Amino acid sequence: MTQRIETTEPLRLDILAHDTMGTEQNGCFEALLEANPGLADQGAFALAPQTIVVPQAPALPASPSINPWD
């Protein structure tokens, strides 16, 4: 589910991704930047006040399980 965040103070983008999407890794940070054109041009901090669209975290591909006793 996509949500919108209203910033009232400058926020570090990686922390914003971690707090809203659960992690800043696994493509979440990139998805945040893709959903907000021009956000990366502001630098490491999202300036205030502005509305930031937070997309749903991308699905991770299923990693194969290995059973060493097979």
C-alpha atoms as a PDB file:
ATOM      1  CA  MET A   1       0.000   0.000   0.000  1.00  0.00           C
ATOM      2  CA  THR A   2       1.338   3.414  -0.937  1.00  0.00           C
ATOM      3  CA  GLN A   3       1.340   6.085   1.750  1.00  0.00           C
ATOM      4  CA  ARG A   4       2.195   9.768   1.857  1.00  0.00           C
ATOM      5  CA  ILE A   5       4.429  11.399   4.454  1.00  0.00           C
ATOM      6  CA  GLU A   6       4.346  15.117   5.220  1.00  0.00           C
ATOM      7  CA  THR A   7       7.793  16.269   6.331  1.00  0.00           C
ATOM      8  CA  THR A   8       8.004  18.994   8.951  1.00  0.00           C
ATOM      9  CA  GLU A   9      11.775  18.871   9.292  1.00  0.00           C
ATOM     10  CA  PRO A  10      14.632  17.629   7.095  1.00  0.00           C
ATOM     11  CA  LEU A  11      14.748  13.815   7.077  1.00  0.00           C
ATOM     12  CA  ARG A  12      17.603  11.562   5.999  1.00  0.00           C
ATOM     13  CA  LEU A  13      16.311   9.476   3.119  1.00  0.00           C
ATOM     14  CA  ASP A  14      17.810   6.180   4.277  1.00  0.00           C
ATOM     15  CA  ILE A  15      16.267   6.596   7.720  1.00  0.00           C
ATOM     16  CA  LEU A  16      12.924   7.490   6.132  1.00  0.00           C
ATOM     17  CA  ALA A  17      13.050   4.298   4.043  1.00  0.00           C
ATOM     18  CA  HIS A  18      13.972   2.216   7.101  1.00  0.00           C
ATOM     19  CA  ASP A  19      11.244   3.707   9.293  1.00  0.00           C
ATOM     20  CA  THR A  20       8.459   3.455   6.712  1.00  0.00           C
ATOM     21  CA  MET A  21       9.386   0.353   4.702  1.00  0.00           C
ATOM     22  CA  GLY A  22      11.164  -1.709   7.358  1.00  0.00           C
ATOM     23  CA  THR A  23      14.585  -1.513   5.708  1.00  0.00           C
ATOM     24  CA  GLU A  24      16.635   0.694   3.444  1.00  0.00           C
ATOM     25  CA  GLN A  25      18.053  -2.344   1.668  1.00  0.00           C
ATOM     26  CA  ASN A  26      16.745  -4.860  -0.866  1.00  0.00           C
ATOM     27  CA  GLY A  27      15.584  -2.181  -3.307  1.00  0.00           C
ATOM     28  CA  CYS A  28      13.483  -0.197  -0.809  1.00  0.00           C
ATOM     29  CA  PHE A  29      15.661   2.914  -0.968  1.00  0.00           C
ATOM     30  CA  GLU A  30      15.639   2.804  -4.767  1.00  0.00           C
ATOM     31  CA  ALA A  31      11.833   2.355  -4.820  1.00  0.00           C
ATOM     32  CA  LEU A  32      11.476   5.427  -2.600  1.00  0.00           C
ATOM     33  CA  LEU A  33      13.569   7.482  -5.028  1.00  0.00           C
ATOM     34  CA  GLU A  34      11.664   6.168  -8.064  1.00  0.00           C
ATOM     35  CA  ALA A  35       8.318   7.095  -6.498  1.00  0.00           C
ATOM     36  CA  ASN A  36       9.518  10.666  -5.871  1.00  0.00           C
ATOM     37  CA  PRO A  37      11.118  12.230  -8.957  1.00  0.00           C
ATOM     38  CA  GLY A  38      13.567  14.962  -7.974  1.00  0.00           C
ATOM     39  CA  LEU A  39      13.978  13.732  -4.407  1.00  0.00           C
ATOM     40  CA  ALA A  40      17.529  12.530  -5.037  1.00  0.00           C
ATOM     41  CA  ASP A  41      18.440  15.985  -6.371  1.00  0.00           C
ATOM     42  CA  GLN A  42      17.958  17.401  -2.853  1.00  0.00           C
ATOM     43  CA  GLY A  43      20.848  15.365  -1.481  1.00  0.00           C
ATOM     44  CA  ALA A  44      20.819  12.968   1.451  1.00  0.00           C
ATOM     45  CA  PHE A  45      18.040  14.862   3.243  1.00  0.00           C
ATOM     46  CA  ALA A  46      14.423  15.403   2.223  1.00  0.00           C
ATOM     47  CA  LEU A  47      13.764  19.080   2.669  1.00  0.00           C
ATOM     48  CA  ALA A  48      10.749  20.307   4.623  1.00  0.00           C
ATOM     49  CA  PRO A  49       7.929  20.970   4.078  1.00  0.00           C
ATOM     50  CA  GLN A  50       7.025  18.501   1.340  1.00  0.00           C
ATOM     51  CA  THR A  51       4.954  15.422   0.692  1.00  0.00           C
ATOM     52  CA  ILE A  52       6.847  12.197   0.047  1.00  0.00           C
ATOM     53  CA  VAL A  53       5.209   9.161  -1.514  1.00  0.00           C
ATOM     54  CA  VAL A  54       6.276   5.931   0.196  1.00  0.00           C
ATOM     55  CA  PRO A  55       5.616   2.914  -2.037  1.00  0.00           C
ATOM     56  CA  GLN A  56       5.094  -0.635  -0.898  1.00  0.00           C
ATOM     57  CA  ALA A  57       8.374  -2.436  -0.240  1.00  0.00           C
ATOM     58  CA  PRO A  58       9.431  -4.541  -3.229  1.00  0.00           C
ATOM     59  CA  ALA A  59       8.905  -8.269  -2.906  1.00  0.00           C
ATOM     60  CA  LEU A  60      12.059 -10.263  -2.408  1.00  0.00           C
ATOM     61  CA  PRO A  61      12.642 -13.245  -4.646  1.00  0.00           C
ATOM     62  CA  ALA A  62      12.295 -16.513  -2.819  1.00  0.00           C
ATOM     63  CA  SER A  63      15.679 -17.977  -2.058  1.00  0.00           C
ATOM     64  CA  PRO A  64      15.934 -21.703  -2.618  1.00  0.00           C
ATOM     65  CA  SER A  65      16.253 -23.805   0.475  1.00  0.00           C
ATOM     66  CA  ILE A  66      18.977 -26.412   0.537  1.00  0.00           C
ATOM     67  CA  ASN A  67      18.749 -29.558   2.578  1.00  0.00           C
ATOM     68  CA  PRO A  68      22.267 -30.955   3.027  1.00  0.00           C
ATOM     69  CA  TRP A  69      20.877 -34.430   3.848  1.00  0.00           C
ATOM     70  CA  ASP A  70      19.191 -34.936   0.462  1.00  0.00           C
END
